[in-house]
Amino acid sequence: MELALTDPRQAVQRSFYLMARTIIGKAFDPAPTPVDSVLDTAIQHLTAKGILNDRLLLQIKALRKFHHSVRNGYTPTTDEAAQFVFSSTSVREDLGDKTIEK
């Protein structure tokens, strides 16, 4: 969360990477490198297994859209970055990521 205050773009990039890694790791063992096509496949796989519900799918879709805009040049405010970090961490927690510091 501190990174959201000092470098909002990097906070969004890092948080998205961690979320993607969690999603992919939940779908595949061993987890391949988080790239868009692998993430798409992992989301489809987890949806088919009933692991991702509608709420999580909508949340992931919104986070991907925002991440895409940041990746393509948008500079988020510190508030936007903090909200992104919070939301992506929430997705990770819902998927059982045990690496999150409390």
PDB file of N, CA and C in Angstrom:
ATOM      1  N   MET A   1       0.820  -1.184   0.000  1.00  0.00           N
ATOM      2  CA  MET A   1       0.000   0.000   0.000  1.00  0.00           C
ATOM      3  C   MET A   1       0.868   1.254   0.000  1.00  0.00           C
ATOM      4  N   GLU A   2       2.046   1.179   0.622  1.00  0.00           N
ATOM      5  CA  GLU A   2       2.944   2.331   0.647  1.00  0.00           C
ATOM      6  C   GLU A   2       3.361   2.737  -0.762  1.00  0.00           C
ATOM      7  N   LEU A   3       3.540   1.744  -1.638  1.00  0.00           N
ATOM      8  CA  LEU A   3       3.941   2.030  -3.006  1.00  0.00           C
ATOM      9  C   LEU A   3       2.885   2.862  -3.723  1.00  0.00           C
ATOM     10  N   ALA A   4       1.626   2.699  -3.370  1.00  0.00           N
ATOM     11  CA  ALA A   4       0.548   3.483  -3.985  1.00  0.00           C
ATOM     12  C   ALA A   4       0.727   4.977  -3.726  1.00  0.00           C
ATOM     13  N   LEU A   5       1.352   5.322  -2.604  1.00  0.00           N
ATOM     14  CA  LEU A   5       1.578   6.732  -2.276  1.00  0.00           C
ATOM     15  C   LEU A   5       2.806   7.306  -2.957  1.00  0.00           C
ATOM     16  N   THR A   6       3.820   6.470  -3.156  1.00  0.00           N
ATOM     17  CA  THR A   6       5.075   6.969  -3.716  1.00  0.00           C
ATOM     18  C   THR A   6       5.186   6.773  -5.224  1.00  0.00           C
ATOM     19  N   ASP A   7       4.604   5.697  -5.743  1.00  0.00           N
ATOM     20  CA  ASP A   7       4.669   5.409  -7.178  1.00  0.00           C
ATOM     21  C   ASP A   7       3.388   4.690  -7.601  1.00  0.00           C
ATOM     22  N   PRO A   8       2.309   5.449  -7.836  1.00  0.00           N
ATOM     23  CA  PRO A   8       1.016   4.833  -8.137  1.00  0.00           C
ATOM     24  C   PRO A   8       1.027   3.884  -9.335  1.00  0.00           C
ATOM     25  N   ARG A   9       1.738   4.250 -10.395  1.00  0.00           N
ATOM     26  CA  ARG A   9       1.801   3.373 -11.578  1.00  0.00           C
ATOM     27  C   ARG A   9       2.429   2.033 -11.229  1.00  0.00           C
ATOM     28  N   GLN A  10       3.529   2.066 -10.509  1.00  0.00           N
ATOM     29  CA  GLN A  10       4.214   0.832 -10.134  1.00  0.00           C
ATOM     30  C   GLN A  10       3.353   0.009  -9.174  1.00  0.00           C
ATOM     31  N   ALA A  11       2.607   0.668  -8.300  1.00  0.00           N
ATOM     32  CA  ALA A  11       1.727  -0.046  -7.370  1.00  0.00           C
ATOM     33  C   ALA A  11       0.669  -0.835  -8.132  1.00  0.00           C
ATOM     34  N   VAL A  12       0.076  -0.214  -9.153  1.00  0.00           N
ATOM     35  CA  VAL A  12      -0.926  -0.902  -9.966  1.00  0.00           C
ATOM     36  C   VAL A  12      -0.281  -2.065 -10.715  1.00  0.00           C
ATOM     37  N   GLN A  13       0.872  -1.816 -11.323  1.00  0.00           N
ATOM     38  CA  GLN A  13       1.559  -2.879 -12.084  1.00  0.00           C
ATOM     39  C   GLN A  13       1.890  -4.062 -11.179  1.00  0.00           C
ATOM     40  N   ARG A  14       2.453  -3.795 -10.023  1.00  0.00           N
ATOM     41  CA  ARG A  14       2.860  -4.853  -9.095  1.00  0.00           C
ATOM     42  C   ARG A  14       1.654  -5.610  -8.540  1.00  0.00           C
ATOM     43  N   SER A  15       0.627  -4.885  -8.160  1.00  0.00           N
ATOM     44  CA  SER A  15      -0.566  -5.525  -7.608  1.00  0.00           C
ATOM     45  C   SER A  15      -1.253  -6.402  -8.645  1.00  0.00           C
ATOM     46  N   PHE A  16      -1.289  -5.925  -9.887  1.00  0.00           N
ATOM     47  CA  PHE A  16      -1.903  -6.734 -10.939  1.00  0.00           C
ATOM     48  C   PHE A  16      -1.091  -8.001 -11.171  1.00  0.00           C
ATOM     49  N   TYR A  17       0.218  -7.877 -11.199  1.00  0.00           N
ATOM     50  CA  TYR A  17       1.079  -9.050 -11.380  1.00  0.00           C
ATOM     51  C   TYR A  17       0.821 -10.082 -10.286  1.00  0.00           C
ATOM     52  N   LEU A  18       0.750  -9.635  -9.040  1.00  0.00           N
ATOM     53  CA  LEU A  18       0.516 -10.558  -7.929  1.00  0.00           C
ATOM     54  C   LEU A  18      -0.854 -11.218  -8.031  1.00  0.00           C
ATOM     55  N   MET A  19      -1.862 -10.451  -8.433  1.00  0.00           N
ATOM     56  CA  MET A  19      -3.196 -11.028  -8.597  1.00  0.00           C
ATOM     57  C   MET A  19      -3.207 -12.050  -9.726  1.00  0.00           C
ATOM     58  N   ALA A  20      -2.591 -11.690 -10.858  1.00  0.00           N
ATOM     59  CA  ALA A  20      -2.540 -12.615 -11.994  1.00  0.00           C
ATOM     60  C   ALA A  20      -1.804 -13.895 -11.609  1.00  0.00           C
ATOM     61  N   ARG A  21      -0.720 -13.755 -10.877  1.00  0.00           N
ATOM     62  CA  ARG A  21       0.043 -14.919 -10.432  1.00  0.00           C
ATOM     63  C   ARG A  21      -0.809 -15.824  -9.535  1.00  0.00           C
ATOM     64  N   THR A  22      -1.612 -15.223  -8.676  1.00  0.00           N
ATOM     65  CA  THR A  22      -2.502 -15.991  -7.802  1.00  0.00           C
ATOM     66  C   THR A  22      -3.555 -16.743  -8.617  1.00  0.00           C
ATOM     67  N   ILE A  23      -4.177 -16.055  -9.567  1.00  0.00           N
ATOM     68  CA  ILE A  23      -5.203 -16.682 -10.409  1.00  0.00           C
ATOM     69  C   ILE A  23      -4.602 -17.833 -11.205  1.00  0.00           C
ATOM     70  N   ILE A  24      -3.472 -17.587 -11.822  1.00  0.00           N
ATOM     71  CA  ILE A  24      -2.827 -18.618 -12.640  1.00  0.00           C
ATOM     72  C   ILE A  24      -2.354 -19.776 -11.766  1.00  0.00           C
ATOM     73  N   GLY A  25      -1.806 -19.457 -10.604  1.00  0.00           N
ATOM     74  CA  GLY A  25      -1.352 -20.505  -9.693  1.00  0.00           C
ATOM     75  C   GLY A  25      -2.490 -21.369  -9.182  1.00  0.00           C
ATOM     76  N   LYS A  26      -3.671 -20.778  -9.038  1.00  0.00           N
ATOM     77  CA  LYS A  26      -4.848 -21.535  -8.591  1.00  0.00           C
ATOM     78  C   LYS A  26      -5.320 -22.484  -9.692  1.00  0.00           C
ATOM     79  N   ALA A  27      -5.096 -22.105 -10.951  1.00  0.00           N
ATOM     80  CA  ALA A  27      -5.574 -22.910 -12.084  1.00  0.00           C
ATOM     81  C   ALA A  27      -4.562 -23.957 -12.543  1.00  0.00           C
ATOM     82  N   PHE A  28      -3.285 -23.663 -12.439  1.00  0.00           N
ATOM     83  CA  PHE A  28      -2.259 -24.540 -12.996  1.00  0.00           C
ATOM     84  C   PHE A  28      -1.157 -24.827 -11.985  1.00  0.00           C
ATOM     85  N   ASP A  29      -0.660 -26.047 -12.003  1.00  0.00           N
ATOM     86  CA  ASP A  29       0.475 -26.411 -11.164  1.00  0.00           C
ATOM     87  C   ASP A  29       1.448 -27.211 -12.013  1.00  0.00           C
ATOM     88  N   PRO A  30       2.623 -26.726 -12.268  1.00  0.00           N
ATOM     89  CA  PRO A  30       3.194 -25.453 -11.829  1.00  0.00           C
ATOM     90  C   PRO A  30       2.620 -24.290 -12.633  1.00  0.00           C
ATOM     91  N   ALA A  31       2.650 -23.136 -12.023  1.00  0.00           N
ATOM     92  CA  ALA A  31       2.084 -21.940 -12.645  1.00  0.00           C
ATOM     93  C   ALA A  31       3.037 -21.376 -13.690  1.00  0.00           C
ATOM     94  N   PRO A  32       2.544 -21.193 -14.926  1.00  0.00           N
ATOM     95  CA  PRO A  32       3.372 -20.539 -15.948  1.00  0.00           C
ATOM     96  C   PRO A  32       3.476 -19.037 -15.695  1.00  0.00           C
ATOM     97  N   THR A  33       4.283 -18.375 -16.476  1.00  0.00           N
ATOM     98  CA  THR A  33       4.466 -16.924 -16.353  1.00  0.00           C
ATOM     99  C   THR A  33       3.151 -16.199 -16.622  1.00  0.00           C
ATOM    100  N   PRO A  34       2.808 -15.215 -15.763  1.00  0.00           N
ATOM    101  CA  PRO A  34       1.557 -14.481 -15.966  1.00  0.00           C
ATOM    102  C   PRO A  34       1.595 -13.570 -17.189  1.00  0.00           C
ATOM    103  N   VAL A  35       1.009 -14.020 -18.272  1.00  0.00           N
ATOM    104  CA  VAL A  35       0.801 -13.200 -19.461  1.00  0.00           C
ATOM    105  C   VAL A  35      -0.697 -13.230 -19.760  1.00  0.00           C
ATOM    106  N   ASP A  36      -1.162 -12.284 -20.572  1.00  0.00           N
ATOM    107  CA  ASP A  36      -2.595 -12.143 -20.814  1.00  0.00           C
ATOM    108  C   ASP A  36      -3.261 -13.428 -21.286  1.00  0.00           C
ATOM    109  N   SER A  37      -2.657 -14.133 -22.236  1.00  0.00           N
ATOM    110  CA  SER A  37      -3.304 -15.337 -22.761  1.00  0.00           C
ATOM    111  C   SER A  37      -3.398 -16.434 -21.706  1.00  0.00           C
ATOM    112  N   VAL A  38      -2.382 -16.570 -20.881  1.00  0.00           N
ATOM    113  CA  VAL A  38      -2.415 -17.567 -19.807  1.00  0.00           C
ATOM    114  C   VAL A  38      -3.446 -17.165 -18.758  1.00  0.00           C
ATOM    115  N   LEU A  39      -3.531 -15.872 -18.472  1.00  0.00           N
ATOM    116  CA  LEU A  39      -4.515 -15.383 -17.512  1.00  0.00           C
ATOM    117  C   LEU A  39      -5.932 -15.659 -18.021  1.00  0.00           C
ATOM    118  N   ASP A  40      -6.173 -15.421 -19.303  1.00  0.00           N
ATOM    119  CA  ASP A  40      -7.490 -15.714 -19.885  1.00  0.00           C
ATOM    120  C   ASP A  40      -7.847 -17.184 -19.712  1.00  0.00           C
ATOM    121  N   THR A  41      -6.911 -18.054 -20.012  1.00  0.00           N
ATOM    122  CA  THR A  41      -7.135 -19.494 -19.892  1.00  0.00           C
ATOM    123  C   THR A  41      -7.387 -19.885 -18.440  1.00  0.00           C
ATOM    124  N   ALA A  42      -6.618 -19.314 -17.515  1.00  0.00           N
ATOM    125  CA  ALA A  42      -6.789 -19.609 -16.096  1.00  0.00           C
ATOM    126  C   ALA A  42      -8.167 -19.164 -15.613  1.00  0.00           C
ATOM    127  N   ILE A  43      -8.607 -17.990 -16.033  1.00  0.00           N
ATOM    128  CA  ILE A  43      -9.930 -17.490 -15.638  1.00  0.00           C
ATOM    129  C   ILE A  43     -11.022 -18.409 -16.176  1.00  0.00           C
ATOM    130  N   GLN A  44     -10.894 -18.836 -17.426  1.00  0.00           N
ATOM    131  CA  GLN A  44     -11.879 -19.763 -17.999  1.00  0.00           C
ATOM    132  C   GLN A  44     -11.897 -21.078 -17.231  1.00  0.00           C
ATOM    133  N   HIS A  45     -10.732 -21.579 -16.907  1.00  0.00           N
ATOM    134  CA  HIS A  45     -10.610 -22.842 -16.178  1.00  0.00           C
ATOM    135  C   HIS A  45     -11.251 -22.741 -14.788  1.00  0.00           C
ATOM    136  N   LEU A  46     -10.944 -21.669 -14.061  1.00  0.00           N
ATOM    137  CA  LEU A  46     -11.491 -21.497 -12.715  1.00  0.00           C
ATOM    138  C   LEU A  46     -12.998 -21.225 -12.738  1.00  0.00           C
ATOM    139  N   THR A  47     -13.472 -20.566 -13.774  1.00  0.00           N
ATOM    140  CA  THR A  47     -14.905 -20.329 -13.915  1.00  0.00           C
ATOM    141  C   THR A  47     -15.626 -21.650 -14.170  1.00  0.00           C
ATOM    142  N   ALA A  48     -15.072 -22.469 -15.047  1.00  0.00           N
ATOM    143  CA  ALA A  48     -15.674 -23.773 -15.352  1.00  0.00           C
ATOM    144  C   ALA A  48     -15.722 -24.674 -14.123  1.00  0.00           C
ATOM    145  N   LYS A  49     -14.733 -24.554 -13.250  1.00  0.00           N
ATOM    146  CA  LYS A  49     -14.697 -25.363 -12.027  1.00  0.00           C
ATOM    147  C   LYS A  49     -15.559 -24.766 -10.914  1.00  0.00           C
ATOM    148  N   GLY A  50     -16.126 -23.578 -11.146  1.00  0.00           N
ATOM    149  CA  GLY A  50     -16.976 -22.936 -10.151  1.00  0.00           C
ATOM    150  C   GLY A  50     -16.213 -22.203  -9.061  1.00  0.00           C
ATOM    151  N   ILE A  51     -14.925 -21.988  -9.264  1.00  0.00           N
ATOM    152  CA  ILE A  51     -14.102 -21.306  -8.262  1.00  0.00           C
ATOM    153  C   ILE A  51     -14.286 -19.790  -8.339  1.00  0.00           C
ATOM    154  N   LEU A  52     -14.453 -19.268  -9.545  1.00  0.00           N
ATOM    155  CA  LEU A  52     -14.691 -17.833  -9.718  1.00  0.00           C
ATOM    156  C   LEU A  52     -16.184 -17.598  -9.870  1.00  0.00           C
ATOM    157  N   ASN A  53     -16.760 -16.844  -8.944  1.00  0.00           N
ATOM    158  CA  ASN A  53     -18.181 -16.501  -9.042  1.00  0.00           C
ATOM    159  C   ASN A  53     -18.334 -15.200  -9.831  1.00  0.00           C
ATOM    160  N   ASP A  54     -19.576 -14.804 -10.048  1.00  0.00           N
ATOM    161  CA  ASP A  54     -19.846 -13.604 -10.851  1.00  0.00           C
ATOM    162  C   ASP A  54     -19.215 -12.353 -10.261  1.00  0.00           C
ATOM    163  N   ARG A  55     -19.245 -12.225  -8.929  1.00  0.00           N
ATOM    164  CA  ARG A  55     -18.660 -11.050  -8.279  1.00  0.00           C
ATOM    165  C   ARG A  55     -17.164 -10.976  -8.539  1.00  0.00           C
ATOM    166  N   LEU A  56     -16.469 -12.108  -8.381  1.00  0.00           N
ATOM    167  CA  LEU A  56     -15.028 -12.122  -8.623  1.00  0.00           C
ATOM    168  C   LEU A  56     -14.714 -11.853 -10.092  1.00  0.00           C
ATOM    169  N   LEU A  57     -15.497 -12.423 -10.986  1.00  0.00           N
ATOM    170  CA  LEU A  57     -15.268 -12.188 -12.415  1.00  0.00           C
ATOM    171  C   LEU A  57     -15.413 -10.714 -12.770  1.00  0.00           C
ATOM    172  N   LEU A  58     -16.442 -10.067 -12.233  1.00  0.00           N
ATOM    173  CA  LEU A  58     -16.621  -8.631 -12.502  1.00  0.00           C
ATOM    174  C   LEU A  58     -15.480  -7.815 -11.915  1.00  0.00           C
ATOM    175  N   GLN A  59     -15.051  -8.186 -10.723  1.00  0.00           N
ATOM    176  CA  GLN A  59     -13.952  -7.469 -10.076  1.00  0.00           C
ATOM    177  C   GLN A  59     -12.662  -7.637 -10.878  1.00  0.00           C
ATOM    178  N   ILE A  60     -12.370  -8.844 -11.310  1.00  0.00           N
ATOM    179  CA  ILE A  60     -11.163  -9.101 -12.102  1.00  0.00           C
ATOM    180  C   ILE A  60     -11.226  -8.354 -13.428  1.00  0.00           C
ATOM    181  N   LYS A  61     -12.387  -8.359 -14.070  1.00  0.00           N
ATOM    182  CA  LYS A  61     -12.540  -7.655 -15.345  1.00  0.00           C
ATOM    183  C   LYS A  61     -12.269  -6.155 -15.180  1.00  0.00           C
ATOM    184  N   ALA A  62     -12.816  -5.557 -14.120  1.00  0.00           N
ATOM    185  CA  ALA A  62     -12.598  -4.124 -13.874  1.00  0.00           C
ATOM    186  C   ALA A  62     -11.127  -3.840 -13.571  1.00  0.00           C
ATOM    187  N   LEU A  63     -10.495  -4.706 -12.790  1.00  0.00           N
ATOM    188  CA  LEU A  63      -9.076  -4.513 -12.474  1.00  0.00           C
ATOM    189  C   LEU A  63      -8.211  -4.660 -13.727  1.00  0.00           C
ATOM    190  N   ARG A  64      -8.531  -5.618 -14.574  1.00  0.00           N
ATOM    191  CA  ARG A  64      -7.779  -5.787 -15.828  1.00  0.00           C
ATOM    192  C   ARG A  64      -7.916  -4.561 -16.712  1.00  0.00           C
ATOM    193  N   LYS A  65      -9.128  -4.020 -16.793  1.00  0.00           N
ATOM    194  CA  LYS A  65      -9.371  -2.839 -17.629  1.00  0.00           C
ATOM    195  C   LYS A  65      -8.557  -1.647 -17.123  1.00  0.00           C
ATOM    196  N   PHE A  66      -8.577  -1.426 -15.811  1.00  0.00           N
ATOM    197  CA  PHE A  66      -7.825  -0.315 -15.244  1.00  0.00           C
ATOM    198  C   PHE A  66      -6.325  -0.533 -15.425  1.00  0.00           C
ATOM    199  N   HIS A  67      -5.857  -1.750 -15.185  1.00  0.00           N
ATOM    200  CA  HIS A  67      -4.442  -2.073 -15.377  1.00  0.00           C
ATOM    201  C   HIS A  67      -4.027  -1.821 -16.820  1.00  0.00           C
ATOM    202  N   HIS A  68      -4.879  -2.209 -17.756  1.00  0.00           N
ATOM    203  CA  HIS A  68      -4.579  -1.993 -19.170  1.00  0.00           C
ATOM    204  C   HIS A  68      -4.393  -0.504 -19.468  1.00  0.00           C
ATOM    205  N   SER A  69      -5.244   0.345 -18.895  1.00  0.00           N
ATOM    206  CA  SER A  69      -5.104   1.786 -19.140  1.00  0.00           C
ATOM    207  C   SER A  69      -3.813   2.318 -18.528  1.00  0.00           C
ATOM    208  N   VAL A  70      -3.435   1.811 -17.361  1.00  0.00           N
ATOM    209  CA  VAL A  70      -2.171   2.234 -16.734  1.00  0.00           C
ATOM    210  C   VAL A  70      -0.989   1.744 -17.566  1.00  0.00           C
ATOM    211  N   ARG A  71      -1.067   0.516 -18.018  1.00  0.00           N
ATOM    212  CA  ARG A  71       0.014  -0.051 -18.845  1.00  0.00           C
ATOM    213  C   ARG A  71       0.191   0.741 -20.137  1.00  0.00           C
ATOM    214  N   ASN A  72      -0.891   1.360 -20.597  1.00  0.00           N
ATOM    215  CA  ASN A  72      -0.838   2.128 -21.840  1.00  0.00           C
ATOM    216  C   ASN A  72      -0.697   3.624 -21.629  1.00  0.00           C
ATOM    217  N   GLY A  73      -0.237   4.036 -20.438  1.00  0.00           N
ATOM    218  CA  GLY A  73       0.137   5.425 -20.253  1.00  0.00           C
ATOM    219  C   GLY A  73      -0.638   6.229 -19.231  1.00  0.00           C
ATOM    220  N   TYR A  74      -1.789   5.748 -18.783  1.00  0.00           N
ATOM    221  CA  TYR A  74      -2.553   6.514 -17.794  1.00  0.00           C
ATOM    222  C   TYR A  74      -1.801   6.511 -16.467  1.00  0.00           C
ATOM    223  N   THR A  75      -1.720   7.671 -15.833  1.00  0.00           N
ATOM    224  CA  THR A  75      -1.090   7.776 -14.526  1.00  0.00           C
ATOM    225  C   THR A  75      -2.183   7.894 -13.472  1.00  0.00           C
ATOM    226  N   PRO A  76      -2.332   6.859 -12.641  1.00  0.00           N
ATOM    227  CA  PRO A  76      -3.388   6.895 -11.631  1.00  0.00           C
ATOM    228  C   PRO A  76      -3.050   7.841 -10.486  1.00  0.00           C
ATOM    229  N   THR A  77      -4.078   8.319  -9.832  1.00  0.00           N
ATOM    230  CA  THR A  77      -3.872   9.113  -8.621  1.00  0.00           C
ATOM    231  C   THR A  77      -3.469   8.148  -7.500  1.00  0.00           C
ATOM    232  N   THR A  78      -3.001   8.697  -6.409  1.00  0.00           N
ATOM    233  CA  THR A  78      -2.643   7.834  -5.289  1.00  0.00           C
ATOM    234  C   THR A  78      -3.886   7.127  -4.742  1.00  0.00           C
ATOM    235  N   ASP A  79      -5.032   7.801  -4.754  1.00  0.00           N
ATOM    236  CA  ASP A  79      -6.278   7.173  -4.300  1.00  0.00           C
ATOM    237  C   ASP A  79      -6.687   6.016  -5.210  1.00  0.00           C
ATOM    238  N   GLU A  80      -6.576   6.224  -6.518  1.00  0.00           N
ATOM    239  CA  GLU A  80      -6.905   5.148  -7.460  1.00  0.00           C
ATOM    240  C   GLU A  80      -5.969   3.959  -7.277  1.00  0.00           C
ATOM    241  N   ALA A  81      -4.698   4.245  -7.103  1.00  0.00           N
ATOM    242  CA  ALA A  81      -3.727   3.167  -6.914  1.00  0.00           C
ATOM    243  C   ALA A  81      -3.995   2.411  -5.618  1.00  0.00           C
ATOM    244  N   ALA A  82      -4.291   3.128  -4.558  1.00  0.00           N
ATOM    245  CA  ALA A  82      -4.582   2.479  -3.280  1.00  0.00           C
ATOM    246  C   ALA A  82      -5.833   1.608  -3.381  1.00  0.00           C
ATOM    247  N   GLN A  83      -6.854   2.100  -4.052  1.00  0.00           N
ATOM    248  CA  GLN A  83      -8.078   1.313  -4.247  1.00  0.00           C
ATOM    249  C   GLN A  83      -7.789   0.070  -5.085  1.00  0.00           C
ATOM    250  N   PHE A  84      -6.952   0.219  -6.099  1.00  0.00           N
ATOM    251  CA  PHE A  84      -6.575  -0.918  -6.939  1.00  0.00           C
ATOM    252  C   PHE A  84      -5.849  -1.976  -6.111  1.00  0.00           C
ATOM    253  N   VAL A  85      -4.896  -1.539  -5.304  1.00  0.00           N
ATOM    254  CA  VAL A  85      -4.147  -2.466  -4.448  1.00  0.00           C
ATOM    255  C   VAL A  85      -5.108  -3.185  -3.504  1.00  0.00           C
ATOM    256  N   PHE A  86      -6.012  -2.442  -2.898  1.00  0.00           N
ATOM    257  CA  PHE A  86      -6.979  -3.034  -1.978  1.00  0.00           C
ATOM    258  C   PHE A  86      -7.845  -4.070  -2.693  1.00  0.00           C
ATOM    259  N   SER A  87      -8.370  -3.719  -3.864  1.00  0.00           N
ATOM    260  CA  SER A  87      -9.260  -4.618  -4.606  1.00  0.00           C
ATOM    261  C   SER A  87      -8.534  -5.863  -5.106  1.00  0.00           C
ATOM    262  N   SER A  88      -7.324  -5.680  -5.629  1.00  0.00           N
ATOM    263  CA  SER A  88      -6.596  -6.849  -6.132  1.00  0.00           C
ATOM    264  C   SER A  88      -6.169  -7.767  -4.988  1.00  0.00           C
ATOM    265  N   THR A  89      -5.868  -7.185  -3.839  1.00  0.00           N
ATOM    266  CA  THR A  89      -5.538  -7.994  -2.662  1.00  0.00           C
ATOM    267  C   THR A  89      -6.769  -8.764  -2.191  1.00  0.00           C
ATOM    268  N   SER A  90      -7.924  -8.145  -2.290  1.00  0.00           N
ATOM    269  CA  SER A  90      -9.174  -8.809  -1.935  1.00  0.00           C
ATOM    270  C   SER A  90      -9.418 -10.033  -2.813  1.00  0.00           C
ATOM    271  N   VAL A  91      -9.164  -9.904  -4.099  1.00  0.00           N
ATOM    272  CA  VAL A  91      -9.298 -11.047  -5.018  1.00  0.00           C
ATOM    273  C   VAL A  91      -8.336 -12.153  -4.605  1.00  0.00           C
ATOM    274  N   ARG A  92      -7.105 -11.771  -4.315  1.00  0.00           N
ATOM    275  CA  ARG A  92      -6.107 -12.767  -3.899  1.00  0.00           C
ATOM    276  C   ARG A  92      -6.537 -13.483  -2.626  1.00  0.00           C
ATOM    277  N   GLU A  93      -7.064 -12.734  -1.667  1.00  0.00           N
ATOM    278  CA  GLU A  93      -7.540 -13.351  -0.420  1.00  0.00           C
ATOM    279  C   GLU A  93      -8.702 -14.305  -0.690  1.00  0.00           C
ATOM    280  N   ASP A  94      -9.628 -13.892  -1.557  1.00  0.00           N
ATOM    281  CA  ASP A  94     -10.773 -14.742  -1.886  1.00  0.00           C
ATOM    282  C   ASP A  94     -10.336 -16.047  -2.552  1.00  0.00           C
ATOM    283  N   LEU A  95      -9.206 -16.016  -3.225  1.00  0.00           N
ATOM    284  CA  LEU A  95      -8.696 -17.218  -3.892  1.00  0.00           C
ATOM    285  C   LEU A  95      -7.750 -18.022  -2.995  1.00  0.00           C
ATOM    286  N   GLY A  96      -7.578 -17.567  -1.750  1.00  0.00           N
ATOM    287  CA  GLY A  96      -6.798 -18.335  -0.799  1.00  0.00           C
ATOM    288  C   GLY A  96      -5.301 -18.120  -0.853  1.00  0.00           C
ATOM    289  N   ASP A  97      -4.854 -16.974  -1.360  1.00  0.00           N
ATOM    290  CA  ASP A  97      -3.425 -16.671  -1.408  1.00  0.00           C
ATOM    291  C   ASP A  97      -2.895 -16.537   0.024  1.00  0.00           C
ATOM    292  N   LYS A  98      -1.968 -17.381   0.389  1.00  0.00           N
ATOM    293  CA  LYS A  98      -1.426 -17.395   1.747  1.00  0.00           C
ATOM    294  C   LYS A  98      -0.197 -16.489   1.907  1.00  0.00           C
ATOM    295  N   THR A  99       0.228 -15.838   0.823  1.00  0.00           N
ATOM    296  CA  THR A  99       1.441 -15.012   0.889  1.00  0.00           C
ATOM    297  C   THR A  99       1.156 -13.571   1.280  1.00  0.00           C
ATOM    298  N   ILE A 100      -0.102 -13.224   1.452  1.00  0.00           N
ATOM    299  CA  ILE A 100      -0.480 -11.841   1.756  1.00  0.00           C
ATOM    300  C   ILE A 100      -0.142 -11.537   3.203  1.00  0.00           C
ATOM    301  N   GLU A 101       0.574 -10.436   3.410  1.00  0.00           N
ATOM    302  CA  GLU A 101       0.924  -9.999   4.766  1.00  0.00           C
ATOM    303  C   GLU A 101      -0.272  -9.329   5.399  1.00  0.00           C
ATOM    304  N   LYS A 102      -0.546  -9.675   6.624  1.00  0.00           N
ATOM    305  CA  LYS A 102      -1.688  -9.097   7.343  1.00  0.00           C
ATOM    306  C   LYS A 102      -1.205  -8.028   8.301  1.00  0.00           C
TER     307      LYS A 102
END
